[in-house]
Amino acid sequence: EVRRRDEVGRLTESFASMRTALRRHIEWLKTTTAAKERIESELDIARSIQMSLVPRTFPPFPERDDIELFAMLDPARDIGGDFYDFFMEKDDHLCLVVGDVSGKGVPAALFMAVTRTFLRTIWNMERDPAATLARLNNELARDNDPNMFVTLFCARIHLPTGRCVYANGGHNPPLVVRAGEPIRQIPKVKGTLVGGLEDMKYEEGTLDLRPGDMLFLYTDGVTEAMNPDEVLTGDEWTVRELEKVRAKDCEGLVRDMRESLRRYAAGAEQSDDITMLAFRLKK
């Protein structure tokens, strides 16, 4: 207890008050640090769960020598809303899917998990890209209080003939890399984003792939990456960079495209999830 009322006494009281405030601040830091560590731990677990939902073993079908496939998912935050998927059907059909959920973080990741689960279930019943998107859209739009949605591209490829049937729900059209020809977008088909409104219609398109042709599927994290001046990469930049690596295998192409995006960003914060999938029909 300070009894003096001179300058020394007031100084002593000030130090005592500072000591009490410092103790309280230290206790607050301990509490908030523990809470932050708990949240970070939970986010790490959530990221692991999310990444387990997308195929990560490459090559995915080592017994087949007629295809080549590689994909990459790089969330902008600990977890994100992008995803890709692929699976082989017994009748030599390969199914490819790339999606991008609105928003970021935990809500987008949860919506992504729901979307992927519904998509797999519906595809097993429909086996038709347009019908699958239409049915998936109704499932997601029903009781969609958060008003979230997802853009999706789905393709079903008959490997012996190269016949590709696809539908697009508001997603970036994939690029076709064909020997001796300029890189171009896959022919567009009508289809709105998935999960916004019920009873939407989706058109179906077809493309005949030749041996050596590659499909490059991606999300808008590729075309909307920003540099420090906040200038977007854009479609032309994407085609130009893809042209430089078109001769590489699928893994080399995807990894080089990711490195090109890093160079373009030049240290700027990643603004969106980045997902790329490259598929080549070898013979």
Protein backbone atom coordinates (compact mmCIF):
# COMPACT_ATOMS: atom_id res chain seq x y z
CA GLU A 1 0.00 0.00 0.00
CA VAL A 2 1.33 3.41 -0.98
CA ARG A 3 0.88 6.03 1.73
CA ARG A 4 3.01 8.84 0.36
CA ARG A 5 1.34 11.54 -1.70
CA ASP A 6 4.43 13.10 -3.23
CA GLU A 7 5.91 12.38 -6.67
CA VAL A 8 7.54 9.16 -5.49
CA GLY A 9 4.19 7.94 -4.15
CA ARG A 10 2.37 8.76 -7.40
CA LEU A 11 5.13 7.05 -9.39
CA THR A 12 4.84 3.98 -7.17
CA GLU A 13 1.08 3.86 -7.73
CA SER A 14 1.62 4.16 -11.49
CA PHE A 15 4.03 1.22 -11.49
CA ALA A 16 1.62 -0.85 -9.39
CA SER A 17 -1.21 -0.08 -11.83
CA MET A 18 1.00 -0.96 -14.79
CA ARG A 19 1.97 -4.24 -13.11
CA THR A 20 -1.68 -5.17 -12.56
CA ALA A 21 -2.59 -4.25 -16.14
CA LEU A 22 0.37 -6.25 -17.47
CA ARG A 23 -0.69 -9.32 -15.49
CA ARG A 24 -4.20 -9.05 -16.88
CA HIS A 25 -2.85 -8.60 -20.40
CA ILE A 26 -0.61 -11.66 -20.03
CA GLU A 27 -3.58 -13.74 -18.86
CA TRP A 28 -5.62 -12.44 -21.82
CA LEU A 29 -2.81 -13.36 -24.21
CA LYS A 30 -2.64 -16.87 -22.75
CA THR A 31 -6.38 -17.33 -23.23
CA THR A 32 -6.52 -15.93 -26.76
CA THR A 33 -3.37 -17.83 -27.81
CA ALA A 34 -4.86 -21.09 -26.57
CA ALA A 35 -8.09 -20.35 -28.44
CA LYS A 36 -6.16 -19.46 -31.61
CA GLU A 37 -4.10 -22.64 -31.40
CA ARG A 38 -7.30 -24.67 -30.95
CA ILE A 39 -8.89 -23.01 -34.00
CA GLU A 40 -5.74 -23.53 -36.08
CA SER A 41 -5.66 -27.17 -35.04
CA GLU A 42 -9.30 -27.60 -36.05
CA LEU A 43 -8.63 -25.87 -39.38
CA ASP A 44 -5.69 -28.21 -40.01
CA ILE A 45 -7.97 -31.18 -39.37
CA ALA A 46 -10.65 -29.66 -41.62
CA ARG A 47 -8.07 -29.14 -44.38
CA SER A 48 -6.95 -32.76 -44.08
CA ILE A 49 -10.56 -33.93 -44.31
CA GLN A 50 -11.23 -31.70 -47.31
CA MET A 51 -8.12 -32.84 -49.16
CA SER A 52 -9.10 -36.45 -48.50
CA LEU A 53 -12.28 -35.82 -50.51
CA VAL A 54 -10.33 -35.28 -53.74
CA PRO A 55 -8.24 -37.99 -55.44
CA ARG A 56 -4.55 -37.49 -54.70
CA THR A 57 -2.92 -40.68 -55.98
CA PHE A 58 -1.20 -40.20 -59.34
CA PRO A 59 -1.18 -41.86 -61.74
CA PRO A 60 -4.74 -42.77 -60.70
CA PHE A 61 -5.11 -45.76 -63.04
CA PRO A 62 -1.62 -47.26 -63.39
CA GLU A 63 -2.96 -50.33 -65.17
CA ARG A 64 -4.08 -48.22 -68.14
CA ASP A 65 -1.64 -46.98 -70.76
CA ASP A 66 -4.21 -45.15 -72.88
CA ILE A 67 -4.71 -42.12 -70.61
CA GLU A 68 -2.75 -39.60 -68.61
CA LEU A 69 -4.20 -37.54 -65.76
CA PHE A 70 -3.00 -35.13 -63.10
CA ALA A 71 -4.77 -32.58 -60.87
CA MET A 72 -3.89 -30.01 -58.22
CA LEU A 73 -5.92 -28.09 -55.60
CA ASP A 74 -4.36 -25.11 -53.81
CA PRO A 75 -6.80 -23.30 -51.45
CA ALA A 76 -6.38 -19.57 -50.88
CA ARG A 77 -7.04 -20.10 -47.15
CA ASP A 78 -6.63 -23.08 -44.87
CA ILE A 79 -9.70 -24.60 -46.50
CA GLY A 80 -11.65 -23.56 -49.57
CA GLY A 81 -14.52 -24.32 -51.91
CA ASP A 82 -12.80 -25.64 -55.04
CA PHE A 83 -12.77 -29.33 -55.83
CA TYR A 84 -12.09 -31.80 -58.58
CA ASP A 85 -13.06 -35.42 -59.00
CA PHE A 86 -12.64 -38.26 -61.49
CA PHE A 87 -13.60 -41.91 -61.56
CA MET A 88 -13.70 -44.78 -64.00
CA GLU A 89 -16.87 -46.64 -64.93
CA LYS A 90 -16.84 -50.33 -65.79
CA ASP A 91 -17.72 -49.71 -69.44
CA ASP A 92 -14.50 -47.78 -70.15
CA HIS A 93 -16.02 -44.38 -69.45
CA LEU A 94 -13.95 -41.85 -67.52
CA CYS A 95 -15.81 -39.08 -65.66
CA LEU A 96 -14.17 -35.72 -64.93
CA VAL A 97 -15.53 -33.00 -62.63
CA VAL A 98 -14.24 -29.58 -61.57
CA GLY A 99 -16.22 -27.23 -59.32
CA ASP A 100 -15.96 -23.89 -57.56
CA VAL A 101 -18.24 -23.00 -54.62
CA SER A 102 -19.20 -19.39 -53.97
CA GLY A 103 -17.34 -17.79 -51.09
CA LYS A 104 -14.31 -19.03 -49.18
CA GLY A 105 -13.37 -20.60 -45.90
CA VAL A 106 -15.39 -23.00 -43.77
CA PRO A 107 -18.87 -22.34 -45.32
CA ALA A 108 -17.52 -22.94 -48.82
CA ALA A 109 -15.73 -26.11 -47.69
CA LEU A 110 -18.90 -27.52 -46.13
CA PHE A 111 -20.93 -26.72 -49.24
CA MET A 112 -18.21 -28.32 -51.35
CA ALA A 113 -18.40 -31.54 -49.32
CA VAL A 114 -22.19 -31.66 -49.67
CA THR A 115 -21.94 -30.98 -53.41
CA ARG A 116 -19.41 -33.73 -54.00
CA THR A 117 -21.46 -36.25 -52.01
CA PHE A 118 -24.66 -35.45 -53.92
CA LEU A 119 -22.80 -35.45 -57.24
CA ARG A 120 -21.32 -38.90 -56.79
CA THR A 121 -24.66 -40.34 -55.70
CA ILE A 122 -26.65 -38.75 -58.53
CA TRP A 123 -24.07 -39.64 -61.18
CA ASN A 124 -24.33 -43.32 -60.27
CA MET A 125 -28.05 -43.12 -61.05
CA GLU A 126 -28.08 -40.80 -64.06
CA ARG A 127 -24.73 -41.37 -65.81
CA ASP A 128 -25.50 -38.35 -67.95
CA PRO A 129 -23.78 -34.97 -67.38
CA ALA A 130 -26.76 -32.72 -68.17
CA ALA A 131 -29.28 -34.81 -66.22
CA THR A 132 -26.82 -35.05 -63.31
CA LEU A 133 -26.41 -31.27 -63.10
CA ALA A 134 -30.16 -30.69 -63.32
CA ARG A 135 -30.88 -33.11 -60.48
CA LEU A 136 -27.94 -31.87 -58.41
CA ASN A 137 -29.14 -28.29 -58.88
CA ASN A 138 -32.54 -29.14 -57.42
CA GLU A 139 -31.03 -30.92 -54.44
CA LEU A 140 -28.74 -27.99 -53.61
CA ALA A 141 -31.31 -25.26 -54.28
CA ARG A 142 -33.90 -26.83 -51.99
CA ASP A 143 -33.81 -25.17 -48.53
CA ASN A 144 -30.70 -23.23 -49.52
CA ASP A 145 -31.00 -20.54 -46.85
CA PRO A 146 -27.38 -19.30 -47.15
CA ASN A 147 -27.98 -18.75 -50.90
CA MET A 148 -24.73 -20.46 -51.82
CA PHE A 149 -24.06 -21.98 -55.22
CA VAL A 150 -21.39 -23.83 -57.16
CA THR A 151 -20.13 -23.70 -60.74
CA LEU A 152 -19.50 -27.15 -62.19
CA PHE A 153 -18.13 -28.74 -65.33
CA CYS A 154 -18.83 -32.45 -65.84
CA ALA A 155 -17.57 -34.67 -68.67
CA ARG A 156 -18.01 -38.36 -69.50
CA ILE A 157 -15.42 -39.72 -71.92
CA HIS A 158 -15.68 -43.05 -73.75
CA LEU A 159 -12.00 -43.95 -73.85
CA PRO A 160 -12.01 -46.44 -76.77
CA THR A 161 -13.59 -43.87 -79.13
CA GLY A 162 -12.64 -40.57 -77.50
CA ARG A 163 -16.26 -39.44 -77.49
CA CYS A 164 -16.67 -36.78 -74.77
CA VAL A 165 -20.13 -35.78 -73.57
CA TYR A 166 -20.23 -32.82 -71.21
CA ALA A 167 -22.41 -30.24 -69.44
CA ASN A 168 -21.46 -26.94 -67.88
CA GLY A 169 -23.08 -25.24 -64.90
CA GLY A 170 -21.71 -21.71 -65.19
CA HIS A 171 -18.07 -22.82 -65.04
CA ASN A 172 -15.00 -21.75 -67.02
CA PRO A 173 -15.02 -23.73 -70.29
CA PRO A 174 -12.05 -26.13 -70.37
CA LEU A 175 -9.31 -25.70 -72.95
CA VAL A 176 -8.54 -28.23 -75.69
CA VAL A 177 -4.87 -28.76 -76.55
CA ARG A 178 -4.56 -30.50 -79.92
CA ALA A 179 -1.37 -31.04 -81.92
CA GLY A 180 -1.00 -28.67 -84.84
CA GLU A 181 -3.87 -26.44 -83.74
CA PRO A 182 -4.18 -23.36 -81.53
CA ILE A 183 -5.38 -23.92 -77.98
CA ARG A 184 -9.11 -23.21 -77.84
CA GLN A 185 -12.05 -23.42 -75.48
CA ILE A 186 -14.34 -26.41 -75.60
CA PRO A 187 -17.58 -25.53 -77.49
CA LYS A 188 -19.89 -23.71 -75.08
CA VAL A 189 -23.23 -25.09 -73.93
CA LYS A 190 -25.99 -23.37 -71.97
CA GLY A 191 -26.13 -23.95 -68.25
CA THR A 192 -26.42 -21.71 -65.21
CA LEU A 193 -24.68 -22.01 -61.85
CA VAL A 194 -25.78 -24.95 -59.72
CA GLY A 195 -27.81 -24.52 -56.53
CA GLY A 196 -29.23 -21.05 -57.15
CA LEU A 197 -32.76 -21.80 -58.37
CA GLU A 198 -34.67 -25.03 -58.81
CA ASP A 199 -35.75 -26.54 -62.15
CA MET A 200 -32.95 -25.15 -64.29
CA LYS A 201 -32.10 -26.75 -67.64
CA TYR A 202 -28.64 -27.78 -68.79
CA GLU A 203 -27.54 -28.45 -72.34
CA GLU A 204 -25.23 -31.24 -73.35
CA GLY A 205 -22.28 -30.91 -75.69
CA THR A 206 -20.05 -33.43 -77.45
CA LEU A 207 -16.42 -33.43 -78.46
CA ASP A 208 -14.45 -36.13 -80.26
CA LEU A 209 -10.99 -36.42 -78.73
CA ARG A 210 -8.16 -37.75 -80.84
CA PRO A 211 -5.10 -39.62 -79.54
CA GLY A 212 -2.74 -36.99 -78.09
CA ASP A 213 -5.50 -34.47 -77.30
CA MET A 214 -5.53 -32.88 -73.87
CA LEU A 215 -8.31 -31.30 -71.84
CA PHE A 216 -7.29 -28.62 -69.35
CA LEU A 217 -9.94 -27.99 -66.67
CA TYR A 218 -9.50 -25.17 -64.18
CA THR A 219 -11.28 -22.77 -61.81
CA ASP A 220 -11.27 -18.98 -61.93
CA GLY A 221 -8.39 -18.89 -59.47
CA VAL A 222 -6.25 -19.36 -62.59
CA THR A 223 -7.78 -16.59 -64.71
CA GLU A 224 -8.36 -14.18 -61.82
CA ALA A 225 -5.00 -14.37 -60.07
CA MET A 226 -3.67 -10.88 -59.30
CA ASN A 227 -0.23 -9.31 -59.28
CA PRO A 228 0.83 -6.59 -56.81
CA ASP A 229 -0.85 -3.98 -59.06
CA GLU A 230 -4.14 -5.96 -58.78
CA VAL A 231 -4.15 -6.79 -62.49
CA LEU A 232 -5.82 -10.13 -63.30
CA THR A 233 -4.18 -12.84 -65.39
CA GLY A 234 -7.21 -13.32 -67.67
CA ASP A 235 -8.07 -15.83 -70.41
CA GLU A 236 -5.41 -14.67 -72.88
CA TRP A 237 -2.64 -14.98 -70.29
CA THR A 238 -3.84 -18.50 -69.42
CA VAL A 239 -3.77 -19.64 -73.06
CA ARG A 240 -0.39 -18.00 -73.63
CA GLU A 241 1.19 -19.71 -70.62
CA LEU A 242 -0.43 -23.02 -71.49
CA GLU A 243 1.01 -22.74 -74.99
CA LYS A 244 4.51 -22.66 -73.51
CA VAL A 245 4.08 -26.03 -71.74
CA ARG A 246 1.66 -27.83 -74.07
CA ALA A 247 4.26 -30.47 -75.01
CA LYS A 248 4.75 -31.62 -71.41
CA ASP A 249 3.00 -34.49 -69.69
CA CYS A 250 -0.04 -33.72 -67.57
CA GLU A 251 1.84 -33.47 -64.29
CA GLY A 252 4.58 -31.28 -65.72
CA LEU A 253 2.02 -29.03 -67.40
CA VAL A 254 -0.04 -28.50 -64.23
CA ARG A 255 3.01 -27.89 -62.04
CA ASP A 256 4.51 -25.45 -64.55
CA MET A 257 1.21 -23.56 -64.78
CA ARG A 258 1.16 -23.27 -60.99
CA GLU A 259 4.70 -21.91 -61.05
CA SER A 260 3.70 -19.40 -63.74
CA LEU A 261 0.91 -18.19 -61.45
CA ARG A 262 3.39 -17.74 -58.59
CA ARG A 263 5.69 -15.70 -60.80
CA TYR A 264 2.79 -13.56 -61.99
CA ALA A 265 1.60 -12.94 -58.41
CA ALA A 266 5.11 -11.79 -57.46
CA GLY A 267 4.37 -12.13 -53.77
CA ALA A 268 0.81 -10.79 -53.87
CA GLU A 269 -1.65 -12.64 -51.62
CA GLN A 270 -3.51 -15.48 -53.31
CA SER A 271 -7.06 -14.17 -53.71
CA ASP A 272 -8.87 -17.36 -54.70
CA ASP A 273 -8.55 -21.13 -54.66
CA ILE A 274 -6.59 -22.55 -57.59
CA THR A 275 -7.59 -25.88 -59.13
CA MET A 276 -6.26 -27.45 -62.32
CA LEU A 277 -6.86 -30.82 -63.95
CA ALA A 278 -5.16 -32.05 -67.11
CA PHE A 279 -6.30 -35.14 -69.00
CA ARG A 280 -4.71 -36.56 -72.16
CA LEU A 281 -6.01 -39.38 -74.35
CA LYS A 282 -2.85 -41.19 -75.37
CA LYS A 283 -4.23 -43.76 -77.82
